Each structure stands twice: as structure tokens, then as C-alpha cells.
N, C-alpha and C. Protein backbone atom coordinates (compact mmCIF):
# COMPACT_ATOMS: atom_id res chain seq x y z
N MET A 1 17.89 75.23 -44.61
CA MET A 1 17.93 76.13 -43.66
C MET A 1 19.43 76.23 -43.22
N SER A 2 19.88 76.66 -44.62
CA SER A 2 21.41 76.37 -44.83
C SER A 2 21.74 77.82 -43.43
N LYS A 3 20.98 78.96 -42.94
CA LYS A 3 21.56 79.98 -41.83
C LYS A 3 22.02 78.83 -40.80
N ILE A 4 21.14 77.77 -40.16
CA ILE A 4 21.74 77.51 -38.84
C ILE A 4 22.60 75.97 -39.49
N GLY A 5 22.82 75.90 -41.04
CA GLY A 5 24.00 74.74 -41.86
C GLY A 5 23.25 72.58 -41.41
N LYS A 6 21.86 73.23 -41.17
CA LYS A 6 21.65 72.00 -41.14
C LYS A 6 20.21 72.07 -42.61
N TYR A 7 20.06 70.63 -42.90
CA TYR A 7 19.18 70.73 -44.27
C TYR A 7 18.23 69.10 -44.00
N THR A 8 17.27 69.76 -44.05
CA THR A 8 15.96 68.47 -43.89
C THR A 8 15.33 68.71 -44.96
N TYR A 9 14.44 67.61 -45.40
CA TYR A 9 13.47 67.23 -46.82
C TYR A 9 12.35 66.77 -46.38
N PRO A 10 11.60 67.81 -46.17
CA PRO A 10 10.16 67.39 -45.49
C PRO A 10 9.06 66.57 -46.51
N ASP A 11 7.79 66.11 -45.80
CA ASP A 11 7.38 65.26 -46.44
C ASP A 11 6.31 65.49 -47.70
N VAL A 12 5.97 67.02 -47.13
CA VAL A 12 5.47 67.88 -47.70
C VAL A 12 5.37 69.45 -47.82
N VAL A 13 5.74 70.35 -48.45
CA VAL A 13 6.20 71.67 -48.27
C VAL A 13 5.32 72.45 -49.48
N VAL A 14 4.72 73.88 -48.77
CA VAL A 14 4.19 74.77 -49.67
C VAL A 14 4.77 75.20 -50.22
N ALA A 15 5.20 76.49 -51.24
CA ALA A 15 5.31 77.39 -50.87
C ALA A 15 4.73 78.41 -51.80
N CYS A 16 4.32 79.96 -51.39
CA CYS A 16 3.21 80.71 -51.75
C CYS A 16 4.43 81.82 -53.28
N GLY A 17 3.72 82.32 -54.43
CA GLY A 17 4.60 82.83 -54.94
C GLY A 17 5.79 82.28 -55.71
N GLU A 18 6.86 83.69 -55.91
CA GLU A 18 7.88 82.57 -56.53
C GLU A 18 8.70 82.36 -55.53
N GLU A 19 9.38 80.49 -55.76
CA GLU A 19 10.22 79.88 -54.81
C GLU A 19 11.39 80.53 -55.21
N ARG A 20 11.92 80.27 -53.50
CA ARG A 20 13.34 80.14 -53.75
C ARG A 20 14.34 80.03 -53.14
N PHE A 21 15.66 79.64 -53.64
CA PHE A 21 16.11 78.36 -53.76
C PHE A 21 17.73 78.88 -53.40
N GLU A 22 18.00 77.57 -52.69
CA GLU A 22 19.86 78.62 -52.42
C GLU A 22 20.41 78.32 -53.05
N ASP A 23 20.33 77.02 -54.38
CA ASP A 23 20.98 77.08 -55.32
C ASP A 23 20.23 76.60 -56.44
N GLU A 24 21.52 76.55 -57.72
CA GLU A 24 20.88 76.14 -58.98
C GLU A 24 20.28 74.90 -58.68
N HIS A 25 20.52 73.72 -57.68
CA HIS A 25 20.07 72.23 -57.68
C HIS A 25 19.01 72.17 -57.43
N ASN A 26 18.39 73.97 -56.80
CA ASN A 26 16.63 73.54 -56.78
C ASN A 26 16.27 72.75 -55.62
N ASP A 27 16.78 71.92 -54.96
CA ASP A 27 16.36 71.10 -53.84
C ASP A 27 16.69 71.65 -52.07
N THR A 28 16.84 72.83 -52.28
CA THR A 28 16.88 73.20 -50.72
C THR A 28 15.55 74.65 -51.03
N LEU A 29 14.53 74.54 -50.17
CA LEU A 29 13.77 75.32 -50.69
C LEU A 29 13.58 76.43 -49.08
N LEU A 30 14.02 77.56 -50.15
CA LEU A 30 14.08 78.88 -48.80
C LEU A 30 13.21 79.62 -48.27
N ASN A 31 11.48 79.59 -48.86
CA ASN A 31 10.16 80.43 -48.32
C ASN A 31 9.12 79.39 -48.26
N PRO A 32 9.28 78.23 -46.99
CA PRO A 32 8.00 77.57 -47.25
C PRO A 32 7.16 78.51 -46.80
N VAL A 33 5.56 77.52 -46.67
CA VAL A 33 4.91 78.49 -46.09
C VAL A 33 4.32 77.83 -44.96
N VAL A 34 4.51 76.32 -45.72
CA VAL A 34 3.22 75.29 -45.34
C VAL A 34 4.39 74.28 -45.03
N ILE A 35 4.64 73.44 -44.02
CA ILE A 35 5.49 72.37 -43.76
C ILE A 35 5.04 71.12 -43.58
N ILE A 36 4.39 70.00 -43.93
CA ILE A 36 4.10 69.24 -43.42
C ILE A 36 4.61 67.45 -43.27
N GLU A 37 4.72 67.35 -41.52
CA GLU A 37 5.66 65.44 -41.71
C GLU A 37 4.36 64.82 -41.47
N VAL A 38 4.81 63.63 -41.68
CA VAL A 38 3.85 62.30 -41.57
C VAL A 38 4.88 61.23 -40.67
N LEU A 39 4.12 61.01 -39.26
CA LEU A 39 4.90 61.04 -38.54
C LEU A 39 5.48 59.14 -38.66
N SER A 40 6.35 58.75 -38.11
CA SER A 40 6.96 57.27 -37.76
C SER A 40 7.72 57.71 -36.51
N GLU A 41 7.55 56.21 -36.37
CA GLU A 41 8.51 55.41 -35.21
C GLU A 41 9.37 55.85 -35.16
N SER A 42 10.20 56.34 -36.38
CA SER A 42 11.91 56.30 -36.22
C SER A 42 11.90 57.73 -36.61
N THR A 43 10.94 58.90 -36.73
CA THR A 43 11.37 59.90 -36.74
C THR A 43 10.65 60.77 -36.32
N GLU A 44 9.54 60.13 -35.02
CA GLU A 44 8.79 61.10 -34.73
C GLU A 44 9.30 62.10 -33.52
N ALA A 45 10.09 61.83 -32.74
CA ALA A 45 10.63 62.48 -31.98
C ALA A 45 11.73 63.58 -32.39
N TYR A 46 11.86 63.43 -33.58
CA TYR A 46 12.93 64.59 -34.54
C TYR A 46 11.66 65.67 -35.18
N ASP A 47 10.83 64.62 -35.87
CA ASP A 47 10.22 66.07 -36.10
C ASP A 47 9.11 66.69 -35.36
N ARG A 48 9.07 65.74 -33.71
CA ARG A 48 8.62 67.01 -32.95
C ARG A 48 9.27 68.07 -32.25
N GLY A 49 10.67 67.87 -32.19
CA GLY A 49 11.57 68.10 -31.52
C GLY A 49 12.77 69.19 -31.97
N LYS A 50 13.71 68.46 -32.38
CA LYS A 50 14.94 69.34 -33.17
C LYS A 50 14.69 69.98 -35.02
N LYS A 51 13.85 68.75 -35.42
CA LYS A 51 13.13 69.43 -36.84
C LYS A 51 12.66 70.72 -36.85
N PHE A 52 11.54 70.70 -35.72
CA PHE A 52 10.57 71.90 -35.57
C PHE A 52 11.60 73.32 -35.34
N GLU A 53 12.36 72.79 -34.37
CA GLU A 53 13.01 74.33 -34.10
C GLU A 53 13.89 74.37 -34.53
N HIS A 54 14.22 74.12 -35.93
CA HIS A 54 15.23 74.46 -36.95
C HIS A 54 13.89 75.07 -37.87
N TYR A 55 13.26 74.64 -38.17
CA TYR A 55 12.28 75.05 -39.10
C TYR A 55 11.56 76.30 -39.35
N GLN A 56 11.56 76.52 -37.54
CA GLN A 56 11.26 78.31 -36.68
C GLN A 56 12.02 79.13 -37.41
N TYR A 57 13.49 79.25 -37.49
CA TYR A 57 14.49 79.69 -38.62
C TYR A 57 13.57 80.32 -39.86
N LEU A 58 12.86 79.60 -40.35
CA LEU A 58 12.21 80.15 -41.40
C LEU A 58 11.67 80.77 -41.44
N GLU A 59 11.74 82.20 -41.95
CA GLU A 59 10.88 83.34 -41.63
C GLU A 59 9.65 83.61 -42.35
N SER A 60 9.66 82.27 -43.51
CA SER A 60 8.33 82.35 -44.05
C SER A 60 7.20 80.98 -43.55
N LEU A 61 7.63 80.67 -43.12
CA LEU A 61 6.98 79.25 -42.36
C LEU A 61 5.54 79.79 -41.33
N ALA A 62 4.82 79.58 -41.68
CA ALA A 62 3.39 80.18 -41.02
C ALA A 62 2.92 78.64 -40.29
N GLU A 63 2.56 77.13 -41.30
CA GLU A 63 2.26 76.18 -40.42
C GLU A 63 3.01 75.51 -40.47
N TYR A 64 2.66 74.49 -39.63
CA TYR A 64 3.77 73.22 -39.65
C TYR A 64 2.29 72.07 -38.52
N LEU A 65 2.41 70.86 -39.74
CA LEU A 65 1.60 70.31 -39.67
C LEU A 65 2.35 68.69 -39.04
N LEU A 66 1.44 67.76 -38.70
CA LEU A 66 2.34 66.24 -37.87
C LEU A 66 1.09 65.35 -38.28
N ILE A 67 1.25 65.02 -38.69
CA ILE A 67 0.33 63.99 -39.44
C ILE A 67 0.74 61.58 -38.76
N ALA A 68 -0.31 61.43 -37.83
CA ALA A 68 -0.22 60.37 -37.55
C ALA A 68 -0.57 59.81 -38.52
N GLN A 69 0.36 58.01 -39.25
CA GLN A 69 0.35 56.95 -39.31
C GLN A 69 -0.71 56.04 -39.18
N ASP A 70 -0.84 56.18 -37.68
CA ASP A 70 -1.75 54.88 -36.87
C ASP A 70 -3.07 54.97 -35.68
N SER A 71 -3.10 56.53 -36.63
CA SER A 71 -4.39 56.60 -35.59
C SER A 71 -4.73 58.39 -36.69
N TYR A 72 -6.36 58.48 -36.15
CA TYR A 72 -6.53 60.25 -36.93
C TYR A 72 -6.04 60.86 -36.04
N ARG A 73 -5.39 61.36 -36.19
CA ARG A 73 -4.67 62.35 -35.95
C ARG A 73 -3.89 63.50 -36.35
N VAL A 74 -4.14 65.12 -36.48
CA VAL A 74 -3.27 65.79 -37.56
C VAL A 74 -2.88 67.05 -36.19
N GLU A 75 -1.95 67.54 -36.04
CA GLU A 75 -1.55 68.12 -35.08
C GLU A 75 -0.66 69.77 -35.87
N GLN A 76 -1.51 70.69 -35.62
CA GLN A 76 -0.97 71.78 -36.29
C GLN A 76 -0.57 73.42 -35.42
N TYR A 77 1.21 73.63 -36.00
CA TYR A 77 1.15 74.75 -35.35
C TYR A 77 1.27 75.34 -36.23
N VAL A 78 0.71 77.17 -35.30
CA VAL A 78 0.18 78.13 -36.33
C VAL A 78 1.17 79.54 -35.61
N ARG A 79 1.96 79.75 -36.49
CA ARG A 79 3.08 81.29 -36.07
C ARG A 79 2.08 82.34 -36.28
N GLN A 80 2.22 82.74 -34.89
CA GLN A 80 1.71 84.28 -35.32
C GLN A 80 2.46 85.65 -34.82
N ASN A 81 1.66 86.97 -34.97
CA ASN A 81 1.64 87.87 -35.39
C ASN A 81 3.44 87.98 -34.10
N ASP A 82 3.58 87.66 -32.90
CA ASP A 82 4.12 87.54 -32.47
C ASP A 82 5.31 86.42 -31.85
N ARG A 83 5.37 86.00 -32.61
CA ARG A 83 6.33 84.99 -33.51
C ARG A 83 6.35 83.87 -32.19
N THR A 84 4.58 83.61 -31.58
CA THR A 84 4.94 82.46 -30.47
C THR A 84 4.11 81.81 -32.32
N TRP A 85 3.70 79.99 -31.03
CA TRP A 85 3.04 79.39 -31.94
C TRP A 85 2.16 78.47 -31.71
N THR A 86 0.89 78.58 -32.22
CA THR A 86 -0.57 77.54 -31.03
C THR A 86 -0.44 76.39 -32.03
N TYR A 87 -0.87 75.74 -30.66
CA TYR A 87 -1.29 74.38 -31.11
C TYR A 87 -2.64 74.23 -31.21
N SER A 88 -3.17 73.24 -31.94
CA SER A 88 -4.73 72.08 -32.67
C SER A 88 -3.95 70.70 -32.67
N GLU A 89 -5.34 70.38 -32.65
CA GLU A 89 -5.00 69.33 -32.46
C GLU A 89 -6.46 68.64 -32.85
N PHE A 90 -6.59 67.56 -33.93
CA PHE A 90 -7.68 67.71 -34.98
C PHE A 90 -7.79 65.87 -34.74
N HIS A 91 -8.54 65.49 -34.50
CA HIS A 91 -9.04 63.82 -33.90
C HIS A 91 -9.66 62.59 -35.01
N ASP A 92 -11.09 63.60 -35.18
CA ASP A 92 -11.85 63.00 -35.55
C ASP A 92 -12.22 62.62 -37.38
N ILE A 93 -12.79 62.27 -37.82
CA ILE A 93 -12.34 61.56 -39.17
C ILE A 93 -13.42 62.60 -40.14
N GLU A 94 -13.70 63.31 -39.45
CA GLU A 94 -14.93 64.21 -40.24
C GLU A 94 -14.01 65.72 -39.93
N ASP A 95 -13.41 66.04 -39.06
CA ASP A 95 -12.24 66.77 -38.52
C ASP A 95 -11.93 67.72 -39.98
N VAL A 96 -11.82 68.49 -40.22
CA VAL A 96 -11.25 69.70 -40.98
C VAL A 96 -10.20 70.58 -40.47
N VAL A 97 -8.88 70.63 -41.04
CA VAL A 97 -8.16 71.55 -40.70
C VAL A 97 -7.93 72.95 -41.82
N PRO A 98 -7.81 73.99 -40.99
CA PRO A 98 -7.89 74.94 -42.16
C PRO A 98 -6.31 75.65 -42.49
N LEU A 99 -6.38 75.72 -42.89
CA LEU A 99 -5.11 76.11 -43.13
C LEU A 99 -4.69 77.71 -43.98
N ARG A 100 -4.68 78.79 -43.18
CA ARG A 100 -5.57 79.94 -43.20
C ARG A 100 -4.59 80.46 -44.33
N ALA A 101 -2.93 80.11 -43.83
CA ALA A 101 -1.99 80.72 -44.69
C ALA A 101 -2.16 80.44 -46.27
N ILE A 102 -2.58 78.72 -46.68
CA ILE A 102 -2.57 79.10 -47.82
C ILE A 102 -3.85 79.28 -48.70
N ASP A 103 -5.61 79.10 -47.83
CA ASP A 103 -6.60 79.52 -47.85
C ASP A 103 -7.25 78.79 -48.07
N CYS A 104 -7.11 77.35 -47.51
CA CYS A 104 -7.57 75.98 -47.89
C CYS A 104 -7.73 74.75 -46.80
N ASN A 105 -8.12 73.68 -47.05
CA ASN A 105 -8.88 72.97 -45.51
C ASN A 105 -8.14 71.38 -46.31
N LEU A 106 -8.04 71.28 -45.11
CA LEU A 106 -7.53 69.88 -45.23
C LEU A 106 -8.16 69.03 -44.57
N VAL A 107 -9.12 67.97 -45.33
CA VAL A 107 -9.86 67.62 -44.31
C VAL A 107 -8.97 66.23 -43.92
N LEU A 108 -9.52 65.49 -42.84
CA LEU A 108 -9.16 64.36 -42.43
C LEU A 108 -9.19 63.20 -43.22
N LYS A 109 -11.17 62.97 -43.56
CA LYS A 109 -11.39 62.57 -44.02
C LYS A 109 -11.22 61.66 -45.48
N ASP A 110 -10.06 62.67 -45.82
CA ASP A 110 -9.53 62.83 -47.32
C ASP A 110 -7.59 62.05 -46.90
N VAL A 111 -7.52 62.75 -45.95
CA VAL A 111 -5.84 62.44 -45.30
C VAL A 111 -6.17 61.11 -45.09
N TYR A 112 -6.81 60.43 -44.65
CA TYR A 112 -7.36 59.04 -44.23
C TYR A 112 -7.56 58.44 -44.80
N ALA A 113 -8.22 58.66 -45.85
CA ALA A 113 -9.42 57.97 -47.20
C ALA A 113 -7.83 56.16 -47.39
N LYS A 114 -8.51 55.07 -47.50
CA LYS A 114 -7.83 53.69 -47.20
C LYS A 114 -6.28 53.76 -46.25
N VAL A 115 -6.21 54.39 -45.90
CA VAL A 115 -5.36 54.04 -45.58
C VAL A 115 -4.87 53.39 -43.33
N VAL A 116 -6.04 54.19 -42.22
CA VAL A 116 -6.24 53.33 -41.10
C VAL A 116 -7.50 52.88 -40.75
């Protein structure tokens, strides 16, 4: 997110096509399509607030997911054509989160296997 002078490192990031990096160190991806953060007590407020606000400057970003550690809960933000975001929450172990930007599904049963 060099445009705003902030650097963050998501828990999971997905890029499609050729990855574009800021420099030769290849540690700052400029074109993520999906970003996933696993929430913790110490980072939850930042992940939900300022961090997501900063991520929205990434034009390539289509989906942002927040995954709870202590309960079955995945929150999904999907960018719309008008640059607004829709919100969905999944909290049943049988739920499936559609990741349309990458034509994939995230199955809560798999995410939380041996965790909660």
C-alpha cells in the first residue's frame, strides 16, 4: 500500500495472473485480489478498522475476509462495481463462503477443522 505509505502483511493473500511487487525484495504485493485476516484480540480492532480502510486503496482488491479464532465466524466484504462493499457473515460449520473473485469456495468445516 505504498500510495498511502503504510505496509501491512496479511495472513493470507491471493493474486491472479502475474504478481506485481513494489521492488526487487518481492515482499509488497501490489495487486492482491483476496485478502484474509485471522482475528486475534490484539489485532481485531485494527483489522476491522484502519487496516481495512487502507486495503480499500488497492484497486485490485475484490474481497476481504475476517476469520474468527474463537468461534465459527467468517465475515466477507465484497467490492461492488460502484466501489462500495457488501457484507456477509457466515457462522454455521456447514456454511460455504463463495469467493467469486477467484472462483473458489471456502468451507467453514475445513477452515475450523481441529481448531474450535
